[in-house]
Amino acid sequence: MDGEIETYGKSKGIRPRTLQRWLRLSEPDRKALLDLACQLGIGENHLRDILEWTEEMNLRDGVSLWQVIRGATVEPIWTDPGLGRSEKIRRVKEELRRLRFPRLVRAEREIQKRVRSMGLKSEIQISVPPALEGGFLTVHLKSTSYEDLQRLVAELGPLVDRSEIREVFSLLNGEAI
């Protein structure tokens, strides 16, 4: 199997350091990662993300890489014949991220729920950065005229006082709601 991993790594231009990290895994972990990598044709960046996230899950939850990759929520994604390669990679990484960062994913969902519950008009959009990086909230106003912008700014004022906005900032700051 190590020869297959080395051959795969060479074909994808995976650096020796990352390849050695893969080869140091247990046999079941090496095999599961090889199966996933071959099925999806992943390169070094995706491989490193998978290694890092599954190592962190192992430390936190005591689950091995093969248990995660062959798990009930991950394997059906990468083996789904109805999905294209890019979609499989995207969904696998989303699921691994959800498993690795459950509190972050919960906070993101709660923020989205709060923003949706405000029933904003399409001209006013509230968003937060991916992974809540930086802890900021962005407000976008879409206006077609000066008068339209004045109206939107006036509508924005009362929105700032809503409890949902305070809750979004609490979630951004890592506080429990």
Foldseek 3Di string as FASTA:
>chain_A
DLVLLVVLCVVQVADPVLSVVLVPFPPLLNVLLSVLCVLLVDHHVLSVLLSVLQVLCCVVPVDHSNCLCVDPQLVCLSVPPVDDSVRSSVSNSVVSCCSRCVLLVVLQVLLVVLQVVVVDDPQWDKDADVSLPPLDIDIHGDDDDPVRVVVVVVVVVVVCVDPSVVVNSCSSVVHDD
